[in-house]
């Protein structure tokens, strides 16, 4: 009876210890922003953080997947990019390496990592939308403007107060027409 009680106590303790020390991937970003709209680069850069209640948990590899729909991503089918596991402790500025991205299109992505303590589950699915090309007329010529995105962080910690960054022009524009779109995701309590 004592052995059964000892085994039951050990199993309960082990189950409690494993459940409270879960490692997860969080704080996913593309080009330093959460679920950005108007990403203006062909190779967006991904980043994330790992969270754990245990100390000395370090990433040793990562895997990123990108798809055109959340359903395809969930199934792991028709992926535009699957990095496979890449042996690296880097979780900042990982450049997209898949099929060419289309402009004005929403994409879905997720990441999982291997740590020195084991492998995480897939992160929550996040998204990003690529920019639409912006055209303008100057006299009789048409040219394409590329939006340079530069996140702005204030001392108050407010991000993306200037979501478009700056436009770099080499000639004067007489008339312009611009459209802007914004999307903000909040997390419930």
C-alpha atoms as a PDB file:
ATOM      1  CA  UNK A   1       0.000   0.000   0.000  1.00  0.00           C
ATOM      2  CA  UNK A   2       2.858   2.352   0.835  1.00  0.00           C
ATOM      3  CA  UNK A   3       4.441   1.711  -2.591  1.00  0.00           C
ATOM      4  CA  UNK A   4       1.158   2.499  -4.366  1.00  0.00           C
ATOM      5  CA  UNK A   5       0.751   5.693  -2.354  1.00  0.00           C
ATOM      6  CA  UNK A   6       4.383   6.678  -3.042  1.00  0.00           C
ATOM      7  CA  UNK A   7       3.957   6.069  -6.804  1.00  0.00           C
ATOM      8  CA  UNK A   8       0.698   8.058  -6.836  1.00  0.00           C
ATOM      9  CA  UNK A   9       2.313  10.995  -5.019  1.00  0.00           C
ATOM     10  CA  UNK A  10       5.322  10.921  -7.375  1.00  0.00           C
ATOM     11  CA  UNK A  11       3.060  10.797 -10.452  1.00  0.00           C
ATOM     12  CA  UNK A  12       0.965  13.696  -9.168  1.00  0.00           C
ATOM     13  CA  UNK A  13       4.090  15.741  -8.421  1.00  0.00           C
ATOM     14  CA  UNK A  14       5.584  14.964 -11.832  1.00  0.00           C
ATOM     15  CA  UNK A  15       2.329  15.896 -13.569  1.00  0.00           C
ATOM     16  CA  UNK A  16       2.143  19.164 -11.623  1.00  0.00           C
ATOM     17  CA  UNK A  17       5.803  19.991 -12.317  1.00  0.00           C
ATOM     18  CA  UNK A  18       5.399  19.350 -16.062  1.00  0.00           C
ATOM     19  CA  UNK A  19       2.186  21.325 -16.358  1.00  0.00           C
ATOM     20  CA  UNK A  20       3.524  24.398 -14.578  1.00  0.00           C
ATOM     21  CA  UNK A  21       6.839  24.555 -16.466  1.00  0.00           C
ATOM     22  CA  UNK A  22       5.468  24.634 -19.989  1.00  0.00           C
ATOM     23  CA  UNK A  23       7.611  26.416 -22.559  1.00  0.00           C
ATOM     24  CA  UNK A  24       5.754  28.362 -25.240  1.00  0.00           C
ATOM     25  CA  UNK A  25       6.429  30.706 -28.139  1.00  0.00           C
ATOM     26  CA  UNK A  26       4.824  34.152 -27.823  1.00  0.00           C
ATOM     27  CA  UNK A  27       5.149  37.802 -28.869  1.00  0.00           C
ATOM     28  CA  UNK A  28       5.253  36.977 -32.579  1.00  0.00           C
ATOM     29  CA  UNK A  29       6.141  39.908 -34.836  1.00  0.00           C
ATOM     30  CA  UNK A  30       6.715  40.615 -38.524  1.00  0.00           C
ATOM     31  CA  UNK A  31       8.929  43.614 -39.277  1.00  0.00           C
ATOM     32  CA  UNK A  32       8.714  44.522 -35.549  1.00  0.00           C
ATOM     33  CA  UNK A  33       4.903  44.729 -35.598  1.00  0.00           C
ATOM     34  CA  UNK A  34       2.104  42.431 -34.464  1.00  0.00           C
ATOM     35  CA  UNK A  35      -0.125  41.328 -37.369  1.00  0.00           C
ATOM     36  CA  UNK A  36       1.027  44.221 -39.594  1.00  0.00           C
ATOM     37  CA  UNK A  37      -0.849  45.528 -42.611  1.00  0.00           C
ATOM     38  CA  UNK A  38       1.186  46.988 -45.452  1.00  0.00           C
ATOM     39  CA  UNK A  39       4.447  45.030 -45.202  1.00  0.00           C
ATOM     40  CA  UNK A  40       6.488  46.492 -48.049  1.00  0.00           C
ATOM     41  CA  UNK A  41       9.288  43.975 -48.478  1.00  0.00           C
ATOM     42  CA  UNK A  42       9.609  40.778 -50.489  1.00  0.00           C
ATOM     43  CA  UNK A  43      11.342  39.059 -47.572  1.00  0.00           C
ATOM     44  CA  UNK A  44       9.606  40.075 -44.330  1.00  0.00           C
ATOM     45  CA  UNK A  45      11.511  39.343 -41.148  1.00  0.00           C
ATOM     46  CA  UNK A  46       9.973  37.268 -38.355  1.00  0.00           C
ATOM     47  CA  UNK A  47      10.672  37.367 -34.639  1.00  0.00           C
ATOM     48  CA  UNK A  48       9.339  35.840 -31.415  1.00  0.00           C
ATOM     49  CA  UNK A  49      10.110  35.164 -27.768  1.00  0.00           C
ATOM     50  CA  UNK A  50      10.028  31.974 -25.739  1.00  0.00           C
ATOM     51  CA  UNK A  51       8.380  31.987 -22.336  1.00  0.00           C
ATOM     52  CA  UNK A  52       8.980  29.546 -19.524  1.00  0.00           C
ATOM     53  CA  UNK A  53       8.662  29.508 -15.767  1.00  0.00           C
ATOM     54  CA  UNK A  54      11.896  27.514 -15.605  1.00  0.00           C
ATOM     55  CA  UNK A  55      15.254  29.235 -15.745  1.00  0.00           C
ATOM     56  CA  UNK A  56      17.994  28.518 -18.276  1.00  0.00           C
ATOM     57  CA  UNK A  57      15.631  27.621 -21.133  1.00  0.00           C
ATOM     58  CA  UNK A  58      17.336  28.397 -24.423  1.00  0.00           C
ATOM     59  CA  UNK A  59      16.238  28.022 -28.016  1.00  0.00           C
ATOM     60  CA  UNK A  60      18.432  25.703 -30.078  1.00  0.00           C
ATOM     61  CA  UNK A  61      16.347  25.477 -33.291  1.00  0.00           C
ATOM     62  CA  UNK A  62      13.222  26.942 -34.898  1.00  0.00           C
ATOM     63  CA  UNK A  63      10.698  26.083 -37.610  1.00  0.00           C
ATOM     64  CA  UNK A  64       8.523  28.678 -39.375  1.00  0.00           C
ATOM     65  CA  UNK A  65       5.566  27.929 -41.633  1.00  0.00           C
ATOM     66  CA  UNK A  66       3.688  30.425 -43.834  1.00  0.00           C
ATOM     67  CA  UNK A  67       0.467  29.798 -45.802  1.00  0.00           C
ATOM     68  CA  UNK A  68      -2.159  31.740 -47.713  1.00  0.00           C
ATOM     69  CA  UNK A  69      -4.925  30.706 -45.301  1.00  0.00           C
ATOM     70  CA  UNK A  70      -5.216  29.804 -41.638  1.00  0.00           C
ATOM     71  CA  UNK A  71      -6.841  26.495 -42.601  1.00  0.00           C
ATOM     72  CA  UNK A  72      -3.957  25.474 -44.878  1.00  0.00           C
ATOM     73  CA  UNK A  73      -1.488  26.419 -42.176  1.00  0.00           C
ATOM     74  CA  UNK A  74      -3.348  24.407 -39.536  1.00  0.00           C
ATOM     75  CA  UNK A  75      -3.316  21.348 -41.839  1.00  0.00           C
ATOM     76  CA  UNK A  76       0.285  21.944 -42.913  1.00  0.00           C
ATOM     77  CA  UNK A  77      -0.832  21.805 -46.574  1.00  0.00           C
ATOM     78  CA  UNK A  78      -0.013  24.090 -49.528  1.00  0.00           C
ATOM     79  CA  UNK A  79       2.593  25.927 -47.487  1.00  0.00           C
ATOM     80  CA  UNK A  80       4.341  28.853 -49.143  1.00  0.00           C
ATOM     81  CA  UNK A  81       7.298  28.315 -46.821  1.00  0.00           C
ATOM     82  CA  UNK A  82       8.322  25.651 -44.368  1.00  0.00           C
ATOM     83  CA  UNK A  83      11.781  26.409 -43.042  1.00  0.00           C
ATOM     84  CA  UNK A  84      12.113  22.954 -41.511  1.00  0.00           C
ATOM     85  CA  UNK A  85      14.007  22.937 -38.228  1.00  0.00           C
ATOM     86  CA  UNK A  86      16.926  25.350 -38.477  1.00  0.00           C
ATOM     87  CA  UNK A  87      19.621  24.858 -35.838  1.00  0.00           C
ATOM     88  CA  UNK A  88      19.904  28.375 -34.456  1.00  0.00           C
ATOM     89  CA  UNK A  89      19.362  30.255 -31.219  1.00  0.00           C
ATOM     90  CA  UNK A  90      18.294  33.325 -33.227  1.00  0.00           C
ATOM     91  CA  UNK A  91      14.703  34.487 -32.883  1.00  0.00           C
ATOM     92  CA  UNK A  92      15.117  37.979 -34.353  1.00  0.00           C
ATOM     93  CA  UNK A  93      14.930  39.136 -37.974  1.00  0.00           C
ATOM     94  CA  UNK A  94      14.544  35.718 -39.606  1.00  0.00           C
ATOM     95  CA  UNK A  95      13.996  36.560 -43.293  1.00  0.00           C
ATOM     96  CA  UNK A  96      11.160  34.912 -45.231  1.00  0.00           C
ATOM     97  CA  UNK A  97      12.568  32.282 -47.571  1.00  0.00           C
ATOM     98  CA  UNK A  98       9.574  30.875 -49.406  1.00  0.00           C
ATOM     99  CA  UNK A  99       7.649  31.366 -52.639  1.00  0.00           C
ATOM    100  CA  UNK A 100       7.293  34.993 -53.797  1.00  0.00           C
ATOM    101  CA  UNK A 101       4.654  36.947 -51.874  1.00  0.00           C
ATOM    102  CA  UNK A 102       1.903  38.788 -53.747  1.00  0.00           C
ATOM    103  CA  UNK A 103       1.091  42.432 -53.047  1.00  0.00           C
ATOM    104  CA  UNK A 104      -2.065  43.336 -51.121  1.00  0.00           C
ATOM    105  CA  UNK A 105      -2.414  39.792 -49.770  1.00  0.00           C
ATOM    106  CA  UNK A 106      -2.895  38.420 -46.270  1.00  0.00           C
ATOM    107  CA  UNK A 107      -0.679  35.569 -45.093  1.00  0.00           C
ATOM    108  CA  UNK A 108      -0.706  33.386 -41.990  1.00  0.00           C
ATOM    109  CA  UNK A 109       2.290  32.073 -40.063  1.00  0.00           C
ATOM    110  CA  UNK A 110       3.372  30.169 -37.000  1.00  0.00           C
ATOM    111  CA  UNK A 111       6.586  29.037 -35.370  1.00  0.00           C
ATOM    112  CA  UNK A 112       7.753  26.345 -33.005  1.00  0.00           C
ATOM    113  CA  UNK A 113      11.127  25.919 -31.397  1.00  0.00           C
ATOM    114  CA  UNK A 114      13.374  23.286 -29.918  1.00  0.00           C
ATOM    115  CA  UNK A 115      14.935  24.280 -26.627  1.00  0.00           C
ATOM    116  CA  UNK A 116      17.501  22.683 -24.389  1.00  0.00           C
ATOM    117  CA  UNK A 117      14.440  21.416 -22.428  1.00  0.00           C
ATOM    118  CA  UNK A 118      12.450  19.970 -25.380  1.00  0.00           C
ATOM    119  CA  UNK A 119      10.246  21.055 -28.272  1.00  0.00           C
ATOM    120  CA  UNK A 120       7.338  23.524 -27.996  1.00  0.00           C
ATOM    121  CA  UNK A 121       3.932  23.199 -29.573  1.00  0.00           C
ATOM    122  CA  UNK A 122       3.146  25.452 -32.513  1.00  0.00           C
ATOM    123  CA  UNK A 123       2.601  29.095 -31.595  1.00  0.00           C
ATOM    124  CA  UNK A 124      -0.748  30.770 -32.067  1.00  0.00           C
ATOM    125  CA  UNK A 125      -1.392  31.537 -35.733  1.00  0.00           C
ATOM    126  CA  UNK A 126      -0.571  35.137 -36.597  1.00  0.00           C
ATOM    127  CA  UNK A 127      -0.918  37.052 -39.846  1.00  0.00           C
ATOM    128  CA  UNK A 128       0.509  39.857 -41.931  1.00  0.00           C
ATOM    129  CA  UNK A 129      -0.613  41.611 -45.096  1.00  0.00           C
ATOM    130  CA  UNK A 130       1.658  42.799 -47.848  1.00  0.00           C
ATOM    131  CA  UNK A 131       1.492  46.355 -49.169  1.00  0.00           C
ATOM    132  CA  UNK A 132      -0.271  47.493 -52.287  1.00  0.00           C
ATOM    133  CA  UNK A 133       1.971  49.304 -54.736  1.00  0.00           C
ATOM    134  CA  UNK A 134       1.372  53.049 -54.567  1.00  0.00           C
ATOM    135  CA  UNK A 135       1.494  54.888 -57.869  1.00  0.00           C
ATOM    136  CA  UNK A 136       1.596  58.618 -58.426  1.00  0.00           C
ATOM    137  CA  UNK A 137       1.690  60.944 -61.420  1.00  0.00           C
ATOM    138  CA  UNK A 138       4.308  63.579 -61.884  1.00  0.00           C
ATOM    139  CA  UNK A 139       3.799  65.555 -65.061  1.00  0.00           C
ATOM    140  CA  UNK A 140       3.346  62.948 -67.758  1.00  0.00           C
ATOM    141  CA  UNK A 141       5.398  60.191 -66.119  1.00  0.00           C
ATOM    142  CA  UNK A 142       4.155  57.480 -63.770  1.00  0.00           C
ATOM    143  CA  UNK A 143       6.405  55.952 -61.189  1.00  0.00           C
ATOM    144  CA  UNK A 144       6.132  53.554 -58.293  1.00  0.00           C
ATOM    145  CA  UNK A 145       6.691  54.622 -54.705  1.00  0.00           C
ATOM    146  CA  UNK A 146       7.878  52.070 -52.202  1.00  0.00           C
ATOM    147  CA  UNK A 147       6.641  52.588 -48.672  1.00  0.00           C
ATOM    148  CA  UNK A 148       9.488  52.288 -46.188  1.00  0.00           C
ATOM    149  CA  UNK A 149       8.103  51.032 -42.911  1.00  0.00           C
ATOM    150  CA  UNK A 150       9.885  52.197 -39.796  1.00  0.00           C
ATOM    151  CA  UNK A 151       8.192  51.470 -36.470  1.00  0.00           C
ATOM    152  CA  UNK A 152       8.195  54.340 -34.025  1.00  0.00           C
ATOM    153  CA  UNK A 153       8.471  53.697 -30.317  1.00  0.00           C
ATOM    154  CA  UNK A 154       7.755  56.475 -27.873  1.00  0.00           C
ATOM    155  CA  UNK A 155       9.016  56.735 -24.294  1.00  0.00           C
ATOM    156  CA  UNK A 156       5.515  55.625 -23.274  1.00  0.00           C
ATOM    157  CA  UNK A 157       5.995  52.327 -25.124  1.00  0.00           C
ATOM    158  CA  UNK A 158       3.406  53.106 -27.806  1.00  0.00           C
ATOM    159  CA  UNK A 159       4.343  51.389 -31.029  1.00  0.00           C
ATOM    160  CA  UNK A 160       3.496  52.159 -34.616  1.00  0.00           C
ATOM    161  CA  UNK A 161       2.328  55.741 -34.203  1.00  0.00           C
ATOM    162  CA  UNK A 162       3.884  56.292 -37.619  1.00  0.00           C
ATOM    163  CA  UNK A 163       3.077  53.033 -39.448  1.00  0.00           C
ATOM    164  CA  UNK A 164       4.200  54.218 -42.877  1.00  0.00           C
ATOM    165  CA  UNK A 165       7.607  55.544 -41.913  1.00  0.00           C
ATOM    166  CA  UNK A 166       8.771  57.810 -44.695  1.00  0.00           C
ATOM    167  CA  UNK A 167       8.448  58.033 -48.458  1.00  0.00           C
ATOM    168  CA  UNK A 168      11.651  58.545 -50.379  1.00  0.00           C
ATOM    169  CA  UNK A 169      11.053  60.597 -53.546  1.00  0.00           C
ATOM    170  CA  UNK A 170      13.423  61.822 -56.197  1.00  0.00           C
ATOM    171  CA  UNK A 171      11.108  64.255 -57.998  1.00  0.00           C
ATOM    172  CA  UNK A 172       8.354  66.645 -57.082  1.00  0.00           C
ATOM    173  CA  UNK A 173       4.767  65.373 -57.211  1.00  0.00           C
ATOM    174  CA  UNK A 174       2.050  67.774 -58.295  1.00  0.00           C
ATOM    175  CA  UNK A 175      -0.986  65.671 -57.303  1.00  0.00           C
ATOM    176  CA  UNK A 176      -1.265  62.601 -55.105  1.00  0.00           C
ATOM    177  CA  UNK A 177      -3.951  60.243 -53.959  1.00  0.00           C
ATOM    178  CA  UNK A 178      -3.279  57.952 -51.033  1.00  0.00           C
ATOM    179  CA  UNK A 179      -5.276  55.250 -49.299  1.00  0.00           C
ATOM    180  CA  UNK A 180      -4.469  53.982 -45.845  1.00  0.00           C
ATOM    181  CA  UNK A 181      -5.703  50.982 -43.947  1.00  0.00           C
ATOM    182  CA  UNK A 182      -5.307  50.050 -40.326  1.00  0.00           C
ATOM    183  CA  UNK A 183      -6.079  46.978 -38.275  1.00  0.00           C
ATOM    184  CA  UNK A 184      -5.540  46.517 -34.573  1.00  0.00           C
ATOM    185  CA  UNK A 185      -5.757  43.251 -32.664  1.00  0.00           C
ATOM    186  CA  UNK A 186      -6.439  43.287 -28.949  1.00  0.00           C
ATOM    187  CA  UNK A 187      -6.063  40.439 -26.518  1.00  0.00           C
ATOM    188  CA  UNK A 188      -8.961  39.739 -24.204  1.00  0.00           C
ATOM    189  CA  UNK A 189      -8.225  39.926 -20.515  1.00  0.00           C
END
